[in-house]
Structure formats: structure tokens, C-alpha cells
Amino acid sequence: MVRLVLVLGDQLSDNLSALRKCDKAEDIVVMAEVADEASYVKHHPKKIAFLFAAMRKFALRLENDGWQVAYTKLDDPDNAGSITGELLRRAEEHDAAGVVYTEPGEWRLIEALGDMPLKTHSLPDDRFIASHDEFDDWAEGRKQLRMEYFYREMRRKTGLLMDGDEPEGDKWNYDHENRKSAPDAVHYSGPMQFTPDDTVKDVLDLVRERFPSNFGTVDNFWFATDAGQAQRHLTHWIKKALPHFGDYQDAMVTDEPYMYHAIVGLYINAGLLDPLDVCQQVEQAYKDGDAPLNATEGFIRQIIGWREYVRGIYFREGPDYTDNNYLEHDRDLPDVYWGGETKMKCMQQSVAQTRDEAYAHHIQRLMVTGNFALLAGIHPHQVHEWYLAVYADAYEWVEAPNVIGMSQFADGGIIASKPYVSSGNYIDKMSDYCKSCAYKVKDKTGEDACPFNLLYWDFLVRHRNRFKANPRMGQMYATWDRMADEKRDTIRTEAAAWLEKLDAGDPV
């Protein structure tokens, strides 16, 4: 009997386990653009358009390869509105014996598919380097699940940048060489951009019509929407930007949203590029003498280290992970995250490019928008939903550990050994934002003081009982204790007044 083969929007890979398991001569691929997936958070229009266009092209690719594909567009009048609804509809239509699918990357879909009144067969998503069992075996018995040690296991498993049993260059990690401050100029034109073809244009029209109130627009859409285009972009980046990526991967420059970053996360996470193959191409550039070791290692660590690690955490911690709120923060996400008026140049830049491009690089996410949310005490679930909504590369398995764990410390230290908080000094060191900001980063108090300076100390004092014994934070509290009482009182008073303005919706 015929079986249905479910292919989700982030599973656009020829080597998907569900496709390998099934028979193109008999079984039917089901793909669907559904309201549930497009609206469980208010996704950026460019993210929706990217996925729908890539799905349509992948469906055609499968058909050309001999598969029968039952594809449902969002505006199909028979669209059931959900993945499970579409599977039930197609099962009845084709008298299917059941559904074969590759495990989704989000707990809500795993649970929904498991509850269907159809015979289902779930397969592992082996596009990842580490299986759930491998990660759990590594994690078992460890007091701290630090990424660095997991990363070394992934290096050994893949052989990437290995010289026999030892790491290339005799060091595992070259992060200390990847922290140069903002350069005077960026000598890279940015990611390869693709002119929308007819398929993409149809999707852009649909998204404009159906999602007019979502944050961002589809104007100037340039993403790759098939594997061939994604590979062309990767080749372009390796040649033009990889050599400088390591040095400036943490730097931020006004009106330079891409710096030397690869912008391949959305393509890897959707399945258009294979993560191991991407890393092997980057490694080859190093072997050929076209990229330095610090850049090559730094990039590969993000893919086989951090990306694999956060997936392991997400599935190990279970479906309630996003409900964590260790610091008991309860402030609502303020308007500044949706483009509201602000005098903070760093927030204005990071949010504006997020709105325009559905992209910001990791330091803008962690040390600007994330740092601000943590210092201001914003509810971590609201922060989580914002990141999940606004970035084209965001899926819950990768986004939630980065936000709930790394950025907001809401998991109580499962991922991070201390909160990633900083005053304005870090942003000033790593960017040129502060030079043209209305606030003065050198002012610690007063009307023009950088809000990050006030909120930094306020955060530490609010949470002193939690962190005073943390060996990585002792020096911060010692500095606070040496301040004059009057100065400490001024900081707390001005921080409270600033947060009152934020709560009132006043421009900050």
C-alpha cells in the first residue's frame, strides 16, 4: 500500500532519511504551506517567503527525480491549515497505509505528529553529526555541559582540522584571535544576492497579501532559494570573506549588517546545504592556503561545535525548556524591539537591520539585543518568541538554547557558566555605534549616561544572592562594594527611573 512521506520546510535535503526509506515508485511525498506553521509566532515575512519558495522549488526537484508530490500552497482552498490536517486529508485521498517522516526539530510538531490517528513511522534526522544518543552519552555524568569539550569530540569524529590525534596547529580553539574591534572599513560586498524568479515572485506576492502586519517586509528579497544558489553563495563567501571572518567575527559597524559573516545558517537549517560538506569546503580553503587557521577553526566550531551542541541541549532538556525563567524576570518586551523610537544607537542598528534583512550576526543578538533584554529583566519567553519570529535562520531547536540558555540565563546555567551581561564598554570596544549615539558611553550616571552602564550594575545588585558565589563574577561585586555609597545610590535610582520610562512606553 502507498505510504505518505512528509517533508517539512526545514527538511529540503535530497538525503533526508524519510526519502531514503521510501519508494518513489509507490509512495507519495506530502509538502504543505500551512497557516499553523506560518503563524505560531509572527514570523518575519522574508523568512516565510524564503521557506515557501524553497519548498516549491524542492517539490519540483523531487518530481523531476520521479517522486509523486502532493503539494499544498497556502492559498489552496482545500488547505487544512496544519501539517497534521494535510496528512489526514492526503491519507484519505490516497487511501494511504501510514506516514513516514524524519523527526521534526520542534517539540510541538513531534507531539502533534505522535498524536495523529494514523500509523506513523518516525526516523532520526541524521543530517546532524551527533545523534541524540551520542549527545546524551557524552553528557551523562558531567556536572557541567560545556560546549568546548563536546566540540573536541566532534572534531575527532569528523576529522576536521585534525593532524592525526591532535588538533591542527596544536590548539583546539583560536577564539582569542577572533576578537578584533571594529575595522575602519569592511572590504566585502556582502552575501551573494539572487534576483527573484517567477516562483519567488509568486511567493512574495502571496506573503505581502497574507502577512501585511508582520514585523519586516519582503522588499529587496535576495535569498538563495535552492541548493544550487546556496552553494554559489557559499563559494562566493569562502573566496571573498572567509580570510577576514575570524578577525572581525565579533565586530559591529554602522550600516554594515553582514561584516564578513557567512550567512549560511538559514540555508543549512532549511536543508539546502549540508553542514559537514560546508565545513569540509571551508577546511579545504585552509589546506589550499586561502584562509587562515583562526578563521577556519572559528567557523567550523560554530557548525560542528555550537550548532550540534545546542541541538543536543534542546532535545535533552525536553519540551518544557522554553518555560525556564531562573531569574524570575517579568517585564514585557518593549516597543524598541519592534522598531520603536530609541536613542540607543546599538539597539537602533540591530533592530533596524533585523527588520530589513531578517538577519543580525551573533554578537548583535547576544551582546546588544540579548544583553539589553537580560539587563532590563524582560520575560525570557517573550524574548524567545521574538528571536524565533524575526530571524530567517531561527527554528526552535537552535534558537531556544541560544536565547533561554546562552542569552538570558533563564535555564540557570545549563549552557552558560555566568550571565552574558556587559556595560556599554563592551559595545564601545567592539563597534563604532557609540561614536554617534545620543548617550555617552563613558558616562556612568547622569542624564546622558549609557543605559547599559546603569542597567549593568542594577542587574548585578538585583541578583547578588544568586551570583555572589560565582567565581567568574566575584571581581564585579568587589568593584561594586568599593564604590561610594552615594554613587551606588545614584546608579540604582537612575536605573529605576530609566526602567520606569521603558515601562511607560516613552522613547528611550
Protein backbone atom coordinates (compact mmCIF):
# COMPACT_ATOMS: atom_id res chain seq x y z
CA MET A 1 0.00 0.00 0.00
CA VAL A 2 1.01 3.57 -0.61
CA ARG A 3 2.65 5.49 2.22
CA LEU A 4 2.84 9.23 2.70
CA VAL A 5 6.30 10.74 3.04
CA LEU A 6 6.21 14.01 4.97
CA VAL A 7 8.84 16.62 4.02
CA LEU A 8 8.83 19.72 6.19
CA GLY A 9 10.03 23.19 5.21
CA ASP A 10 13.33 22.77 7.03
CA GLN A 11 13.97 19.32 5.56
CA LEU A 12 14.77 20.27 1.96
CA SER A 13 17.57 17.74 1.57
CA ASP A 14 17.96 15.03 -1.06
CA ASN A 15 19.43 12.70 1.56
CA LEU A 16 16.57 13.09 4.04
CA SER A 17 16.08 9.84 5.97
CA ALA A 18 12.36 9.68 5.15
CA LEU A 19 13.08 9.91 1.42
CA ARG A 20 15.75 7.23 1.64
CA LYS A 21 13.36 4.91 3.47
CA CYS A 22 10.55 5.13 0.94
CA ASP A 23 9.91 4.10 -2.66
CA LYS A 24 9.40 6.82 -5.24
CA ALA A 25 7.54 4.36 -7.46
CA GLU A 26 4.79 3.83 -4.88
CA ASP A 27 4.89 6.36 -2.07
CA ILE A 28 3.69 9.96 -2.15
CA VAL A 29 5.58 12.96 -0.79
CA VAL A 30 3.42 15.42 1.14
CA MET A 31 4.53 19.03 1.41
CA ALA A 32 2.33 21.88 2.57
CA GLU A 33 2.40 25.61 3.22
CA VAL A 34 0.07 25.83 6.22
CA ALA A 35 -1.22 28.63 8.41
CA ASP A 36 -0.22 26.89 11.63
CA GLU A 37 3.46 26.82 10.71
CA ALA A 38 3.43 30.31 9.26
CA SER A 39 1.77 31.91 12.28
CA TYR A 40 2.57 30.10 15.56
CA VAL A 41 4.77 33.15 16.02
CA LYS A 42 4.59 36.17 13.73
CA HIS A 43 7.49 35.17 11.51
CA HIS A 44 9.40 37.74 9.51
CA PRO A 45 7.87 37.94 6.01
CA LYS A 46 11.25 37.21 4.43
CA LYS A 47 11.54 34.03 6.48
CA ILE A 48 8.11 32.87 5.31
CA ALA A 49 8.87 33.79 1.71
CA PHE A 50 12.26 32.04 1.80
CA LEU A 51 10.76 28.80 3.06
CA PHE A 52 7.73 28.75 0.78
CA ALA A 53 9.84 29.50 -2.29
CA ALA A 54 12.46 26.92 -1.33
CA MET A 55 9.72 24.35 -0.65
CA ARG A 56 8.12 24.90 -4.05
CA LYS A 57 11.45 24.51 -5.81
CA PHE A 58 12.33 21.41 -3.81
CA ALA A 59 8.95 19.85 -4.63
CA LEU A 60 9.66 20.38 -8.33
CA ARG A 61 13.12 18.87 -7.85
CA LEU A 62 11.53 15.76 -6.32
CA GLU A 63 9.00 15.49 -9.14
CA ASN A 64 11.79 15.72 -11.70
CA ASP A 65 13.50 12.91 -9.82
CA GLY A 66 10.47 10.67 -10.20
CA TRP A 67 8.55 11.28 -7.00
CA GLN A 68 4.82 11.91 -6.89
CA VAL A 69 4.39 15.04 -4.76
CA ALA A 70 1.14 16.19 -3.17
CA TYR A 71 1.93 19.87 -2.63
CA THR A 72 -0.46 22.31 -0.98
CA LYS A 73 0.01 26.05 -1.37
CA LEU A 74 -1.09 28.43 1.36
CA ASP A 75 -3.95 29.85 -0.73
CA ASP A 76 -5.27 26.45 -1.83
CA PRO A 77 -8.99 26.45 -0.88
CA ASP A 78 -8.69 22.85 0.35
CA ASN A 79 -5.73 23.64 2.61
CA ALA A 80 -6.41 22.11 6.04
CA GLY A 81 -4.27 24.73 7.79
CA SER A 82 -1.95 22.37 9.67
CA ILE A 83 0.60 19.68 8.92
CA THR A 84 -1.47 17.01 10.63
CA GLY A 85 -4.63 18.19 8.87
CA GLU A 86 -2.90 17.95 5.49
CA LEU A 87 -1.62 14.47 6.25
CA LEU A 88 -5.10 13.29 7.23
CA ARG A 89 -6.56 14.83 4.08
CA ARG A 90 -3.94 13.25 1.82
CA ALA A 91 -4.21 9.90 3.60
CA GLU A 92 -7.93 9.78 2.85
CA GLU A 93 -7.39 10.98 -0.70
CA HIS A 94 -4.82 8.27 -1.49
CA ASP A 95 -6.01 5.54 0.89
CA ALA A 96 -2.56 5.61 2.47
CA ALA A 97 -1.36 3.00 4.92
CA GLY A 98 0.50 5.49 7.08
CA VAL A 99 3.07 8.26 7.26
CA VAL A 100 6.87 8.12 7.24
CA TYR A 101 8.67 11.24 8.42
CA THR A 102 12.02 12.48 9.60
CA GLU A 103 11.93 13.75 13.17
CA PRO A 104 10.98 17.45 13.26
CA GLY A 105 13.17 19.99 15.01
CA GLU A 106 10.50 21.30 17.36
CA TRP A 107 8.73 19.54 20.21
CA ARG A 108 5.29 20.91 19.29
CA LEU A 109 5.42 19.18 15.89
CA ILE A 110 6.87 15.98 17.33
CA GLU A 111 3.96 15.81 19.75
CA ALA A 112 1.36 16.73 17.12
CA LEU A 113 2.55 14.02 14.74
CA GLY A 114 2.68 11.48 17.55
CA ASP A 115 -0.96 12.17 18.41
CA MET A 116 -2.30 11.65 14.87
CA PRO A 117 -4.88 8.89 14.26
CA LEU A 118 -2.63 7.45 11.55
CA LYS A 119 0.08 4.82 11.60
CA THR A 120 3.33 6.79 11.75
CA HIS A 121 7.00 5.90 11.49
CA SER A 122 9.49 8.49 12.72
CA LEU A 123 13.10 8.34 11.54
CA PRO A 124 16.14 10.09 13.03
CA ASP A 125 17.33 13.27 11.38
CA ASP A 126 20.79 12.01 10.50
CA ARG A 127 21.76 15.20 8.69
CA PHE A 128 23.28 16.15 12.05
CA ILE A 129 26.70 14.88 13.09
CA ALA A 130 25.71 13.79 16.60
CA SER A 131 22.65 11.65 17.28
CA HIS A 132 20.55 12.20 20.41
CA ASP A 133 22.11 9.09 21.96
CA GLU A 134 25.64 10.28 21.20
CA PHE A 135 24.99 13.62 22.86
CA ASP A 136 23.33 12.02 25.87
CA ASP A 137 26.22 9.57 26.25
CA TRP A 138 28.64 12.49 26.22
CA ALA A 139 26.53 14.49 28.70
CA GLU A 140 25.83 11.65 31.13
CA GLY A 141 27.52 12.13 34.49
CA ARG A 142 29.01 15.54 33.69
CA LYS A 143 28.44 18.29 36.23
CA GLN A 144 28.78 20.96 33.54
CA LEU A 145 27.83 20.56 29.88
CA ARG A 146 30.37 22.92 28.34
CA MET A 147 30.42 23.13 24.57
CA GLU A 148 34.21 23.17 24.24
CA TYR A 149 34.62 19.56 25.31
CA PHE A 150 31.75 18.35 23.14
CA TYR A 151 33.28 20.24 20.21
CA ARG A 152 36.53 18.34 20.60
CA GLU A 153 34.62 15.08 20.31
CA MET A 154 33.02 16.32 17.08
CA ARG A 155 36.44 17.26 15.72
CA ARG A 156 37.69 13.76 16.44
CA LYS A 157 34.58 12.18 14.90
CA THR A 158 34.68 14.21 11.68
CA GLY A 159 38.45 14.52 11.36
CA LEU A 160 38.06 18.21 10.59
CA LEU A 161 41.22 20.21 11.27
CA MET A 162 42.89 17.21 12.84
CA ASP A 163 46.53 16.19 12.49
CA GLY A 164 46.26 12.56 13.46
CA ASP A 165 45.00 12.55 17.04
CA GLU A 166 45.97 16.17 17.63
CA PRO A 167 44.26 19.40 16.57
CA GLU A 168 45.70 21.29 13.62
CA GLY A 169 48.15 23.88 14.91
CA ASP A 170 48.29 22.13 18.33
CA LYS A 171 45.35 24.12 19.69
CA TRP A 172 41.65 23.26 19.69
CA ASN A 173 40.35 26.80 19.83
CA TYR A 174 41.61 30.07 18.32
CA ASP A 175 38.87 32.26 19.74
CA HIS A 176 41.36 34.61 21.40
CA GLU A 177 42.48 35.65 17.90
CA ASN A 178 38.93 36.36 16.76
CA ARG A 179 38.10 39.40 18.87
CA LYS A 180 39.42 42.37 16.95
CA SER A 181 37.40 45.52 17.35
CA ALA A 182 35.51 47.22 14.54
CA PRO A 183 37.66 47.93 11.46
CA ASP A 184 37.71 51.33 9.78
CA ALA A 185 36.21 49.79 6.64
CA VAL A 186 34.71 46.48 5.54
CA HIS A 187 36.16 45.21 2.27
CA TYR A 188 33.40 42.78 1.39
CA SER A 189 30.28 43.49 -0.63
CA GLY A 190 28.18 41.06 1.39
CA PRO A 191 26.38 37.82 0.58
CA MET A 192 25.62 36.79 -2.97
CA GLN A 193 22.17 38.11 -3.85
CA PHE A 194 19.70 36.48 -6.21
CA THR A 195 17.08 38.24 -8.31
CA PRO A 196 13.64 36.72 -7.64
CA ASP A 197 12.47 34.39 -10.42
CA ASP A 198 8.81 33.70 -11.21
CA THR A 199 8.43 31.18 -8.40
CA VAL A 200 9.87 33.58 -5.87
CA LYS A 201 7.80 36.49 -7.20
CA ASP A 202 4.59 34.50 -6.78
CA VAL A 203 5.51 33.71 -3.20
CA LEU A 204 6.42 37.33 -2.45
CA ASP A 205 3.00 38.47 -3.68
CA LEU A 206 1.33 35.83 -1.52
CA VAL A 207 3.28 36.80 1.59
CA ARG A 208 2.62 40.51 1.08
CA GLU A 209 -1.10 39.76 0.89
CA ARG A 210 -1.33 37.30 3.80
CA PHE A 211 1.11 38.77 6.33
CA PRO A 212 0.87 42.56 6.00
CA SER A 213 1.22 43.30 9.73
CA ASN A 214 4.24 41.10 10.48
CA PHE A 215 7.46 42.82 11.53
CA GLY A 216 9.53 43.45 8.40
CA THR A 217 8.76 43.29 4.70
CA VAL A 218 9.70 41.17 1.69
CA ASP A 219 11.08 44.20 -0.14
CA ASN A 220 14.57 43.69 -1.61
CA PHE A 221 14.32 39.92 -1.18
CA TRP A 222 17.62 38.32 -2.26
CA PHE A 223 17.95 34.95 -0.51
CA ALA A 224 19.01 31.82 -2.33
CA THR A 225 16.00 29.51 -2.65
CA ASP A 226 17.52 26.28 -3.96
CA ALA A 227 20.60 24.18 -3.27
CA GLY A 228 22.47 25.39 -6.35
CA GLN A 229 22.10 29.04 -5.44
CA ALA A 230 23.03 28.35 -1.82
CA GLN A 231 26.23 26.62 -2.97
CA ARG A 232 27.11 29.55 -5.23
CA HIS A 233 26.73 31.88 -2.27
CA LEU A 234 28.92 29.65 -0.08
CA THR A 235 31.66 29.56 -2.74
CA HIS A 236 31.47 33.36 -3.01
CA TRP A 237 31.82 33.79 0.75
CA ILE A 238 34.70 31.35 1.12
CA LYS A 239 36.66 33.18 -1.56
CA LYS A 240 35.81 36.77 -0.65
CA ALA A 241 35.17 36.89 3.11
CA LEU A 242 36.41 33.80 4.95
CA PRO A 243 40.00 35.11 5.19
CA HIS A 244 38.75 38.04 7.32
CA PHE A 245 35.90 36.29 9.11
CA GLY A 246 37.86 35.20 12.15
CA ASP A 247 39.44 38.55 12.93
CA TYR A 248 36.20 40.51 12.85
CA GLN A 249 33.50 37.98 13.69
CA ASP A 250 32.62 39.84 16.91
CA ALA A 251 32.83 43.35 15.47
CA MET A 252 29.91 45.64 14.64
CA VAL A 253 29.99 48.56 12.21
CA THR A 254 27.22 51.07 11.47
CA ASP A 255 25.27 50.23 8.31
CA GLU A 256 27.34 47.07 7.73
CA PRO A 257 24.87 44.32 8.62
CA TYR A 258 26.89 41.44 7.22
CA MET A 259 30.51 42.28 8.02
CA TYR A 260 32.43 39.12 6.93
CA HIS A 261 29.82 36.66 8.15
CA ALA A 262 28.83 33.62 6.10
CA ILE A 263 25.02 34.00 6.22
CA VAL A 264 24.66 30.26 5.66
CA GLY A 265 22.67 29.42 8.78
CA LEU A 266 19.33 29.79 7.03
CA TYR A 267 20.47 27.54 4.18
CA ILE A 268 21.93 24.84 6.43
CA ASN A 269 18.96 24.89 8.80
CA ALA A 270 16.48 24.56 5.91
CA GLY A 271 18.43 21.69 4.37
CA LEU A 272 19.75 23.41 1.24
CA LEU A 273 23.34 22.95 2.41
CA ASP A 274 24.82 20.01 4.29
CA PRO A 275 26.70 21.12 7.44
CA LEU A 276 29.55 18.64 7.16
CA ASP A 277 30.04 19.40 3.47
CA VAL A 278 30.11 23.13 4.23
CA CYS A 279 32.79 22.59 6.87
CA GLN A 280 34.84 20.42 4.53
CA GLN A 281 34.78 23.14 1.88
CA VAL A 282 35.94 25.69 4.46
CA GLU A 283 38.67 23.33 5.65
CA GLN A 284 39.82 22.88 2.05
CA ALA A 285 40.28 26.63 1.73
CA TYR A 286 42.65 26.46 4.71
CA LYS A 287 44.51 23.49 3.25
CA ASP A 288 44.87 25.37 -0.03
CA GLY A 289 46.37 28.35 1.77
CA ASP A 290 43.39 30.59 1.04
CA ALA A 291 42.19 31.10 4.62
CA PRO A 292 43.96 31.40 7.98
CA LEU A 293 43.54 28.82 10.71
CA ASN A 294 41.81 31.17 13.17
CA ALA A 295 39.05 31.95 10.66
CA THR A 296 38.66 28.34 9.56
CA GLU A 297 38.56 26.93 13.08
CA GLY A 298 36.22 29.66 14.30
CA PHE A 299 33.71 28.92 11.56
CA ILE A 300 33.89 25.14 11.90
CA ARG A 301 33.42 25.43 15.67
CA GLN A 302 30.16 27.28 15.13
CA ILE A 303 28.83 24.45 12.95
CA ILE A 304 30.07 21.15 14.38
CA GLY A 305 30.52 22.55 17.87
CA TRP A 306 27.91 25.10 18.81
CA ARG A 307 25.15 24.12 16.36
CA GLU A 308 25.35 20.44 17.30
CA TYR A 309 25.67 21.26 21.00
CA VAL A 310 22.56 23.43 21.24
CA ARG A 311 20.53 20.80 19.40
CA GLY A 312 21.70 18.26 21.95
CA ILE A 313 20.67 20.54 24.81
CA TYR A 314 17.24 21.24 23.28
CA PHE A 315 16.30 17.58 22.93
CA ARG A 316 17.92 16.53 26.21
CA GLU A 317 16.04 19.15 28.21
CA GLY A 318 12.65 18.38 26.69
CA PRO A 319 9.57 20.36 25.63
CA ASP A 320 9.39 22.49 28.80
CA TYR A 321 12.82 24.06 28.24
CA THR A 322 11.38 27.29 26.84
CA ASP A 323 9.36 27.82 30.06
CA ASN A 324 12.52 28.28 32.14
CA ASN A 325 12.78 31.59 34.00
CA TYR A 326 15.53 31.12 36.55
CA LEU A 327 15.94 34.85 37.20
CA GLU A 328 12.18 35.41 37.54
CA HIS A 329 12.16 38.24 35.03
CA ASP A 330 8.70 39.53 34.17
CA ARG A 331 8.99 42.78 32.20
CA ASP A 332 7.12 42.84 28.89
CA LEU A 333 9.13 43.08 25.68
CA PRO A 334 9.30 46.83 24.96
CA ASP A 335 8.49 48.63 21.74
CA VAL A 336 12.13 49.16 20.88
CA TYR A 337 12.26 45.51 19.72
CA TRP A 338 9.60 46.28 17.13
CA GLY A 339 11.31 49.39 15.81
CA GLY A 340 10.06 51.81 18.44
CA GLU A 341 11.88 55.10 18.81
CA THR A 342 15.16 54.87 20.70
CA LYS A 343 18.25 56.97 21.27
CA MET A 344 20.39 53.84 21.74
CA LYS A 345 22.38 53.57 18.52
CA CYS A 346 23.30 49.91 19.08
CA MET A 347 19.67 48.86 19.55
CA GLN A 348 18.50 51.03 16.66
CA GLN A 349 21.06 49.47 14.31
CA SER A 350 20.47 45.89 15.40
CA VAL A 351 16.69 46.08 15.31
CA ALA A 352 16.54 48.05 12.05
CA GLN A 353 18.67 45.53 10.18
CA THR A 354 16.63 42.70 11.72
CA ARG A 355 13.50 44.34 10.36
CA ASP A 356 15.02 44.89 6.92
CA GLU A 357 17.04 41.69 6.46
CA ALA A 358 15.67 39.09 8.92
CA TYR A 359 19.30 38.83 10.00
CA ALA A 360 21.71 40.04 12.64
CA HIS A 361 25.01 38.41 13.50
CA HIS A 362 25.68 36.57 16.74
CA ILE A 363 27.22 39.45 18.70
CA GLN A 364 24.37 41.80 17.82
CA ARG A 365 21.97 39.11 19.04
CA LEU A 366 23.91 38.20 22.18
CA MET A 367 25.57 41.41 23.34
CA VAL A 368 23.13 44.07 22.10
CA THR A 369 19.50 42.89 21.91
CA GLY A 370 20.08 39.91 24.22
CA ASN A 371 22.22 41.81 26.70
CA PHE A 372 19.66 44.59 26.88
CA ALA A 373 16.78 42.16 27.47
CA LEU A 374 18.68 40.42 30.26
CA LEU A 375 19.75 43.65 31.97
CA ALA A 376 16.25 45.10 31.72
CA GLY A 377 14.62 41.97 33.17
CA ILE A 378 12.41 41.11 30.19
CA HIS A 379 10.46 37.87 30.43
CA PRO A 380 12.62 35.24 28.72
CA HIS A 381 9.72 33.53 26.96
CA GLN A 382 8.82 36.80 25.26
CA VAL A 383 12.45 37.26 24.27
CA HIS A 384 12.50 33.68 22.94
CA GLU A 385 9.40 34.25 20.82
CA TRP A 386 10.86 37.47 19.39
CA TYR A 387 14.06 35.77 18.24
CA LEU A 388 12.09 32.83 16.86
CA ALA A 389 9.90 35.21 14.88
CA VAL A 390 12.30 37.73 13.41
CA TYR A 391 15.29 35.75 12.08
CA ALA A 392 15.27 33.74 8.87
CA ASP A 393 17.57 31.09 10.35
CA ALA A 394 15.53 30.56 13.53
CA TYR A 395 13.99 27.20 14.41
CA GLU A 396 13.19 26.35 17.99
CA TRP A 397 15.85 23.62 18.36
CA VAL A 398 18.63 26.11 17.60
CA GLU A 399 17.05 29.35 18.76
CA ALA A 400 15.72 28.35 22.19
CA PRO A 401 19.02 27.19 23.75
CA ASN A 402 20.75 30.27 22.36
CA VAL A 403 18.14 32.57 23.92
CA ILE A 404 16.83 30.76 27.00
CA GLY A 405 20.27 29.43 27.92
CA MET A 406 23.09 31.46 26.43
CA SER A 407 21.50 34.90 26.15
CA GLN A 408 19.01 35.13 29.02
CA PHE A 409 20.48 32.68 31.55
CA ALA A 410 16.91 31.53 32.10
CA ASP A 411 17.96 27.88 32.36
CA GLY A 412 20.04 28.65 35.44
CA GLY A 413 23.39 27.77 33.93
CA ILE A 414 22.87 24.62 31.89
CA ILE A 415 24.64 26.28 28.97
CA ALA A 416 26.44 29.35 30.30
CA SER A 417 28.68 29.46 33.36
CA LYS A 418 27.60 33.04 34.07
CA PRO A 419 25.16 35.57 32.58
CA TYR A 420 26.35 37.26 29.39
CA VAL A 421 25.95 40.82 30.63
CA SER A 422 28.12 43.83 29.98
CA SER A 423 28.13 47.57 30.36
CA GLY A 424 28.41 49.89 27.39
CA ASN A 425 32.16 49.42 27.42
CA TYR A 426 31.99 46.10 25.55
CA ILE A 427 29.78 47.55 22.81
CA ASP A 428 32.11 50.54 22.52
CA LYS A 429 35.12 48.24 22.22
CA MET A 430 33.58 46.01 19.55
CA SER A 431 31.67 48.58 17.46
CA ASP A 432 31.57 52.12 16.19
CA TYR A 433 27.99 52.56 17.41
CA CYS A 434 28.84 54.59 20.50
CA LYS A 435 30.60 57.29 18.49
CA SER A 436 27.30 58.56 17.08
CA CYS A 437 24.99 57.64 19.94
CA ALA A 438 22.93 60.24 21.82
CA TYR A 439 24.06 58.62 25.06
CA LYS A 440 27.64 58.87 26.28
CA VAL A 441 29.23 55.51 26.86
CA LYS A 442 31.86 56.97 29.20
CA ASP A 443 29.19 58.46 31.49
CA LYS A 444 28.28 56.11 34.31
CA THR A 445 25.48 58.27 35.73
CA GLY A 446 23.58 61.34 34.71
CA GLU A 447 21.05 62.23 32.04
CA ASP A 448 23.34 61.23 29.16
CA ALA A 449 24.73 58.06 30.72
CA CYS A 450 24.65 54.95 28.54
CA PRO A 451 21.68 52.85 29.72
CA PHE A 452 23.84 49.72 29.58
CA ASN A 453 26.07 51.23 32.28
CA LEU A 454 23.18 51.87 34.66
CA LEU A 455 21.39 48.60 33.98
CA TYR A 456 24.55 46.53 34.26
CA TRP A 457 25.10 47.40 37.90
CA ASP A 458 21.40 47.33 38.66
CA PHE A 459 21.22 43.76 37.30
CA LEU A 460 24.16 42.60 39.40
CA VAL A 461 22.71 44.08 42.58
CA ARG A 462 19.22 42.67 41.95
CA HIS A 463 20.67 39.19 41.54
CA ARG A 464 23.51 39.33 44.04
CA ASN A 465 22.24 36.41 46.12
CA ARG A 466 22.27 34.21 43.02
CA PHE A 467 25.69 35.16 41.70
CA LYS A 468 27.84 36.31 44.61
CA ALA A 469 29.44 32.88 44.90
CA ASN A 470 30.11 32.56 41.17
CA PRO A 471 33.91 32.64 40.81
CA ARG A 472 33.66 34.42 37.45
CA MET A 473 31.65 37.28 38.96
CA GLY A 474 33.45 37.96 42.21
CA GLN A 475 35.53 40.81 40.78
CA MET A 476 32.38 42.61 39.58
CA TYR A 477 30.87 42.55 43.06
CA ALA A 478 34.16 43.61 44.60
CA THR A 479 34.18 46.65 42.31
CA TRP A 480 30.61 47.49 43.32
CA ASP A 481 31.46 47.19 47.01
CA ARG A 482 34.34 49.64 46.64
CA MET A 483 32.07 52.35 45.23
CA ALA A 484 30.99 55.19 47.47
CA ASP A 485 27.51 54.79 48.94
CA GLU A 486 26.34 57.95 47.20
CA LYS A 487 27.45 56.67 43.79
CA ARG A 488 25.75 53.33 44.32
CA ASP A 489 22.52 55.05 45.36
CA THR A 490 22.65 57.26 42.28
CA ILE A 491 23.10 54.28 39.96
CA ARG A 492 20.18 52.38 41.47
CA THR A 493 17.91 55.45 41.46
CA GLU A 494 18.71 56.39 37.86
CA ALA A 495 18.36 52.80 36.68
CA ALA A 496 14.91 52.57 38.30
CA ALA A 497 13.85 55.85 36.67
CA TRP A 498 15.09 54.68 33.28
CA LEU A 499 13.19 51.41 33.56
CA GLU A 500 10.05 53.32 34.55
CA LYS A 501 10.33 55.24 31.27
CA LEU A 502 10.74 51.96 29.42
CA ASP A 503 7.64 50.51 31.08
CA ALA A 504 5.64 53.64 30.31
CA GLY A 505 6.42 53.28 26.62
CA ASP A 506 8.36 56.52 26.48
CA PRO A 507 11.14 56.76 23.89
CA VAL A 508 14.41 55.56 25.39
